[in-house]
Each structure stands twice: as C-alpha cells, then as structure tokens.
Amino acid sequence: MNTASPSKPPAQRVADHLEIEPSILYFGTPVVLLSTENQDGSFNLAPISSAWALGQTVVIGLGREGQTAYNLGSRPDLVINLPAPAQWPAVERLAPLTGRNPVPSGKPEGCRFEPDKFAAAGLTGEPSRLVRPPRVAGCPIQLEALAERVRPDVSGEFVIVEAVVRKVHADSRIVVPGTDHIDPAAWSPLIYNFRHYFGLGPELGRSYRTQTPRNVEGSAPADTGRTHGNEATGATSRPCRVPH
C-alpha cells in the first residue's frame, strides 16, 4: 500500500493566508452621498460607504449617532446620489463633518459640526421630483427614494435602512441611447477601498444576464464617470469614518 501523501500540482496550490484583525472591512464598496431633511426644514448631506441594491431597494448602513440616521427616523424622504470618481475630493471634504450639534461623543476625533454641508463640500443642490431633499448636481446618477424600514443592526452601533427607489435620474452621457440602461463602459462608481478612493479599471468581461451586449472593449469613456487604473484615487490619513 502506498502511504505517501499525494502532492498537489503547482497550479493547484493555494497562496498562504494570514489571520488578521483589520479595524474596518471596506473591501471595495461604492460611495454614495445621501441628502436628507433636517428637523428645521434645511437639508443634510452625508457620504456613505455601505450601500447595495436589491431590485428597486437600496440597503444602506449608517452610523447610529449621525444626523442622517436621526433624520430618516422621522422624515423618510432621501436622495441617493452616486458621485463619479473625479468627485472624490468633495466626498472627502464632507468626511470630517457632521450635522449633529453638539457633536456626538462617538464620532471620531476631528469631526466638527457643519450646518451647510453642500457649501462646505463645494456642491450644489437641485430640486427633486418626488421627495423633499435635493439631488446633488454633478452626480451622474441620482436616486429619489423613500426609507421604508429603519432599524438597528445586530451590533447596536449602526442603523440599517431599506429605501425604495421611486425615481432615477441619469446623466444622458452614461445612458445607452434609446434605452433605460446605464452603459457600464461610460460609467464608473467611486469606490471606497480600505479608506482609499478608486474608480474602476478596464472591463474584464460581462455577465450572461447583461441587457447591454457589446464588445468587451466597450465604448469611449465619458467624462462623467469612467476612469481607469487609479487616476481618481486619493489616500487619506485616518479620515473621519465615511458612514456618518
């Protein structure tokens, strides 16, 4: 009987892994700017790095003590604005700001109260169609939505929002002509990758379920979103956590 342990071919060997304990798990998630209504009728704007879509519902993770969570608890209208990679400096200008006054004790050091976040970030609001908070002008995709469910997460540190999208606004330069489809070759989300900002790289392939078939090379990039490699990246030195 041959008792020798069979050896794996080199091509099947798995790279060694380390067991680590990272302080955050933002392993490459899109950044969104959420506009909500404050109690006095003014508007708050917050950068969020935990958001994903399921059909027409967008699930959002928020810090429990932030102004956005406070607003959505009683005023469910919001706009989910998706900035382009080149807009990362405006997102970062918002990162150390909060709409809560006084600043909650749980906020990271360096956070400060700012009542007019649009102006502080160098951004402009534009009227929405169906909700009270404004859209962020210049963001290639803007989703007017209603927060149908707001609840704490299992840790008690965050709030999970389930928002149903009611109206989609898309820059004409990223829409496939004559359709309701976003052209993935013309649009790139701003990605928050372990507290660094990135855009998408070149396309690698496409899903069999795509409704925008084309050559892998794609179309020419539009100025509204697509950047290749790390042209739109920017490192930050321990910024205020993005999901306020």
Protein backbone atom coordinates (compact mmCIF):
# COMPACT_ATOMS: atom_id res chain seq x y z
CA MET A 1 0.00 0.00 0.00
CA ASN A 2 1.30 3.41 -0.91
CA THR A 3 1.02 5.62 2.19
CA ALA A 4 2.82 8.61 0.77
CA SER A 5 0.76 11.83 0.85
CA PRO A 6 -0.15 12.91 -2.65
CA SER A 7 1.30 16.27 -3.59
CA LYS A 8 -0.76 18.91 -5.36
CA PRO A 9 0.36 20.10 -8.76
CA PRO A 10 1.91 23.57 -8.51
CA ALA A 11 -1.04 25.11 -10.37
CA GLN A 12 -3.46 23.94 -7.66
CA ARG A 13 -1.56 25.21 -4.65
CA VAL A 14 -3.29 27.96 -2.74
CA ALA A 15 -1.39 31.06 -1.65
CA ASP A 16 -0.64 31.28 2.04
CA HIS A 17 -3.13 33.33 4.08
CA LEU A 18 -2.61 35.29 7.27
CA GLU A 19 -5.18 35.56 10.03
CA ILE A 20 -5.59 39.30 10.59
CA GLU A 21 -7.91 41.63 12.50
CA PRO A 22 -8.45 44.74 10.33
CA SER A 23 -10.11 47.70 12.01
CA ILE A 24 -12.54 48.17 9.12
CA LEU A 25 -13.93 45.94 6.36
CA TYR A 26 -14.49 48.37 3.50
CA PHE A 27 -13.20 45.90 0.93
CA GLY A 28 -14.25 47.93 -2.09
CA THR A 29 -17.74 49.43 -1.81
CA PRO A 30 -19.39 52.28 -3.74
CA VAL A 31 -19.61 55.72 -2.15
CA VAL A 32 -22.98 57.46 -2.11
CA LEU A 33 -23.97 60.92 -0.94
CA LEU A 34 -27.25 60.89 0.98
CA SER A 35 -29.33 64.05 1.14
CA THR A 36 -31.99 64.10 3.87
CA GLU A 37 -34.20 66.69 5.54
CA ASN A 38 -33.34 68.18 8.93
CA GLN A 39 -35.99 68.94 11.54
CA ASP A 40 -35.91 72.66 10.74
CA GLY A 41 -36.51 72.08 7.02
CA SER A 42 -32.88 72.52 5.95
CA PHE A 43 -31.02 69.64 4.34
CA ASN A 44 -28.16 67.38 5.39
CA LEU A 45 -25.62 65.76 3.08
CA ALA A 46 -23.54 62.78 4.18
CA PRO A 47 -21.03 60.45 2.48
CA ILE A 48 -21.86 56.77 2.99
CA SER A 49 -19.70 53.78 2.09
CA SER A 50 -22.14 50.97 2.91
CA ALA A 51 -24.87 50.70 0.29
CA TRP A 52 -26.07 47.99 -2.08
CA ALA A 53 -29.07 47.47 -4.33
CA LEU A 54 -31.56 44.60 -4.44
CA GLY A 55 -34.06 45.16 -7.23
CA GLN A 56 -35.54 48.60 -6.62
CA THR A 57 -34.50 48.62 -2.97
CA VAL A 58 -31.21 50.11 -1.76
CA VAL A 59 -29.94 48.88 1.61
CA ILE A 60 -27.84 51.45 3.45
CA GLY A 61 -25.70 51.20 6.58
CA LEU A 62 -25.43 54.31 8.76
CA GLY A 63 -23.73 55.31 11.96
CA ARG A 64 -26.34 55.27 14.73
CA GLU A 65 -25.44 58.73 16.06
CA GLY A 66 -25.26 60.56 12.73
CA GLN A 67 -27.67 63.21 11.51
CA THR A 68 -28.74 61.04 8.56
CA ALA A 69 -29.99 58.24 10.82
CA TYR A 70 -31.72 60.82 13.02
CA ASN A 71 -33.45 62.39 10.01
CA LEU A 72 -34.64 59.15 8.44
CA GLY A 73 -36.19 58.03 11.70
CA SER A 74 -38.98 60.60 11.24
CA ARG A 75 -38.56 62.04 7.72
CA PRO A 76 -38.18 59.15 5.25
CA ASP A 77 -37.50 61.12 2.05
CA LEU A 78 -33.94 60.89 0.77
CA VAL A 79 -31.83 61.05 -2.36
CA ILE A 80 -29.08 58.52 -3.01
CA ASN A 81 -26.52 60.36 -5.14
CA LEU A 82 -23.71 58.38 -6.79
CA PRO A 83 -20.64 60.55 -7.43
CA ALA A 84 -18.11 59.93 -10.16
CA PRO A 85 -14.51 59.03 -9.25
CA ALA A 86 -13.29 62.55 -10.05
CA GLN A 87 -15.59 63.90 -7.34
CA TRP A 88 -13.71 62.19 -4.51
CA PRO A 89 -12.27 65.50 -3.16
CA ALA A 90 -15.82 66.75 -2.49
CA VAL A 91 -16.64 63.48 -0.71
CA GLU A 92 -13.53 63.81 1.43
CA ARG A 93 -14.39 67.40 2.33
CA LEU A 94 -17.59 66.02 3.82
CA ALA A 95 -15.87 63.20 5.72
CA PRO A 96 -14.90 65.16 8.88
CA LEU A 97 -18.26 66.95 9.13
CA THR A 98 -21.43 66.11 11.00
CA GLY A 99 -24.87 67.66 11.04
CA ARG A 100 -25.33 66.93 14.74
CA ASN A 101 -24.79 69.72 17.25
CA PRO A 102 -23.26 69.11 19.69
CA VAL A 103 -21.00 66.56 18.02
CA PRO A 104 -21.84 63.08 19.39
CA SER A 105 -19.16 61.64 21.66
CA GLY A 106 -18.92 58.53 19.50
CA LYS A 107 -17.72 60.46 16.45
CA PRO A 108 -14.03 60.05 15.54
CA GLU A 109 -11.63 62.74 16.72
CA GLY A 110 -11.54 65.74 14.42
CA CYS A 111 -15.20 65.64 13.38
CA ARG A 112 -16.92 69.03 13.60
CA PHE A 113 -20.42 70.39 13.22
CA GLU A 114 -21.28 71.95 9.88
CA PRO A 115 -24.83 73.22 9.18
CA ASP A 116 -24.33 73.77 5.42
CA LYS A 117 -22.60 70.70 4.08
CA PHE A 118 -23.41 71.43 0.44
CA ALA A 119 -21.43 74.67 0.60
CA ALA A 120 -18.64 73.12 2.69
CA ALA A 121 -18.14 70.40 0.06
CA GLY A 122 -18.39 72.78 -2.88
CA LEU A 123 -21.53 71.02 -4.13
CA THR A 124 -24.85 72.39 -5.33
CA GLY A 125 -28.34 71.06 -4.77
CA GLU A 126 -31.01 70.80 -7.45
CA PRO A 127 -34.74 70.13 -6.97
CA SER A 128 -36.02 66.58 -6.78
CA ARG A 129 -39.25 65.45 -8.44
CA LEU A 130 -40.90 63.30 -5.76
CA VAL A 131 -39.05 63.88 -2.48
CA ARG A 132 -38.17 66.97 -0.46
CA PRO A 133 -34.34 66.66 -0.16
CA PRO A 134 -32.44 67.98 -3.18
CA ARG A 135 -30.35 65.98 -5.58
CA VAL A 136 -26.61 66.68 -5.78
CA ALA A 137 -25.88 68.47 -9.05
CA GLY A 138 -23.00 66.89 -10.94
CA CYS A 139 -23.54 63.36 -9.64
CA PRO A 140 -24.11 61.18 -12.73
CA ILE A 141 -26.74 59.01 -11.00
CA GLN A 142 -29.34 60.29 -8.52
CA LEU A 143 -31.98 58.06 -6.93
CA GLU A 144 -35.00 59.62 -5.25
CA ALA A 145 -36.15 57.19 -2.58
CA LEU A 146 -38.28 56.58 0.48
CA ALA A 147 -36.90 54.90 3.61
CA GLU A 148 -39.48 52.18 4.21
CA ARG A 149 -37.66 50.49 7.09
CA VAL A 150 -35.10 51.90 9.54
CA ARG A 151 -33.78 49.54 12.21
CA PRO A 152 -30.66 48.90 14.31
CA ASP A 153 -28.13 46.30 13.20
CA VAL A 154 -27.18 43.30 15.36
CA SER A 155 -24.27 45.15 16.98
CA GLY A 156 -26.37 48.12 18.02
CA GLU A 157 -23.73 50.51 16.66
CA PHE A 158 -25.31 51.09 13.25
CA VAL A 159 -28.66 51.60 11.57
CA ILE A 160 -29.83 49.66 8.53
CA VAL A 161 -32.10 51.50 6.11
CA GLU A 162 -34.16 49.84 3.37
CA ALA A 163 -35.00 52.55 0.86
CA VAL A 164 -37.33 52.00 -2.11
CA VAL A 165 -36.25 53.95 -5.20
CA ARG A 166 -39.06 55.99 -6.75
CA LYS A 167 -37.27 57.98 -9.46
CA VAL A 168 -33.92 57.51 -11.24
CA HIS A 169 -32.01 60.40 -12.82
CA ALA A 170 -29.03 59.55 -15.03
CA ASP A 171 -26.66 61.77 -16.97
CA SER A 172 -27.51 61.32 -20.66
CA ARG A 173 -23.86 60.59 -21.44
CA ILE A 174 -23.93 57.34 -19.46
CA VAL A 175 -27.26 56.03 -20.83
CA VAL A 176 -27.36 53.64 -23.80
CA PRO A 177 -29.16 55.72 -26.48
CA GLY A 178 -32.80 54.82 -26.89
CA THR A 179 -32.92 52.64 -23.76
CA ASP A 180 -33.26 52.83 -19.98
CA HIS A 181 -29.90 51.11 -19.46
CA ILE A 182 -26.74 52.57 -17.94
CA ASP A 183 -23.75 51.99 -20.23
CA PRO A 184 -21.16 50.27 -17.96
CA ALA A 185 -18.37 51.40 -20.27
CA ALA A 186 -19.32 55.04 -19.76
CA TRP A 187 -19.97 54.95 -16.00
CA SER A 188 -17.78 54.12 -13.04
CA PRO A 189 -18.79 54.37 -9.39
CA LEU A 190 -16.48 55.93 -6.84
CA ILE A 191 -15.11 53.02 -4.80
CA TYR A 192 -14.09 53.25 -1.14
CA ASN A 193 -11.39 50.61 -0.79
CA PHE A 194 -9.99 50.36 2.77
CA ARG A 195 -10.25 54.15 3.20
CA HIS A 196 -8.74 54.95 -0.19
CA TYR A 197 -10.70 56.20 -3.21
CA PHE A 198 -10.67 54.36 -6.54
CA GLY A 199 -12.53 54.22 -9.85
CA LEU A 200 -13.00 51.07 -11.90
CA GLY A 201 -10.29 49.59 -14.10
CA PRO A 202 -10.84 48.30 -17.66
CA GLU A 203 -13.69 45.89 -18.25
CA LEU A 204 -12.79 42.21 -17.86
CA GLY A 205 -15.95 40.59 -19.18
CA ARG A 206 -19.72 40.60 -18.90
CA SER A 207 -22.48 38.60 -17.25
CA TYR A 208 -24.72 36.35 -19.35
CA ARG A 209 -27.64 38.35 -17.94
CA THR A 210 -26.49 41.70 -19.33
CA GLN A 211 -29.01 43.73 -21.31
CA THR A 212 -26.32 45.92 -22.84
CA PRO A 213 -24.36 43.44 -25.03
CA ARG A 214 -21.36 44.84 -26.86
CA ASN A 215 -17.69 44.18 -27.47
CA VAL A 216 -15.57 43.76 -24.35
CA GLU A 217 -13.52 46.80 -25.38
CA GLY A 218 -16.67 48.90 -24.85
CA SER A 219 -17.29 52.42 -25.93
CA ALA A 220 -15.25 55.52 -25.36
CA PRO A 221 -15.24 56.62 -21.72
CA ALA A 222 -17.37 59.56 -20.73
CA ASP A 223 -16.13 62.42 -18.60
CA THR A 224 -18.97 61.77 -16.14
CA GLY A 225 -17.59 58.65 -14.56
CA ARG A 226 -15.19 56.23 -16.14
CA THR A 227 -11.56 56.43 -15.06
CA HIS A 228 -9.06 53.64 -15.48
CA GLY A 229 -6.45 52.36 -13.09
CA ASN A 230 -6.03 54.61 -10.08
CA GLU A 231 -6.26 58.01 -11.74
CA ALA A 232 -9.04 59.04 -9.35
CA THR A 233 -7.53 57.66 -6.19
CA GLY A 234 -6.62 59.62 -3.13
CA ALA A 235 -5.24 58.35 0.15
CA THR A 236 -6.38 59.85 3.39
CA SER A 237 -4.69 59.83 6.76
CA ARG A 238 -7.29 58.25 9.06
CA PRO A 239 -10.23 60.40 7.93
CA CYS A 240 -13.47 60.63 9.83
CA ARG A 241 -15.27 57.35 9.09
CA VAL A 242 -17.29 57.84 5.91
CA PRO A 243 -20.67 56.38 7.00
CA HIS A 244 -21.96 59.20 9.26
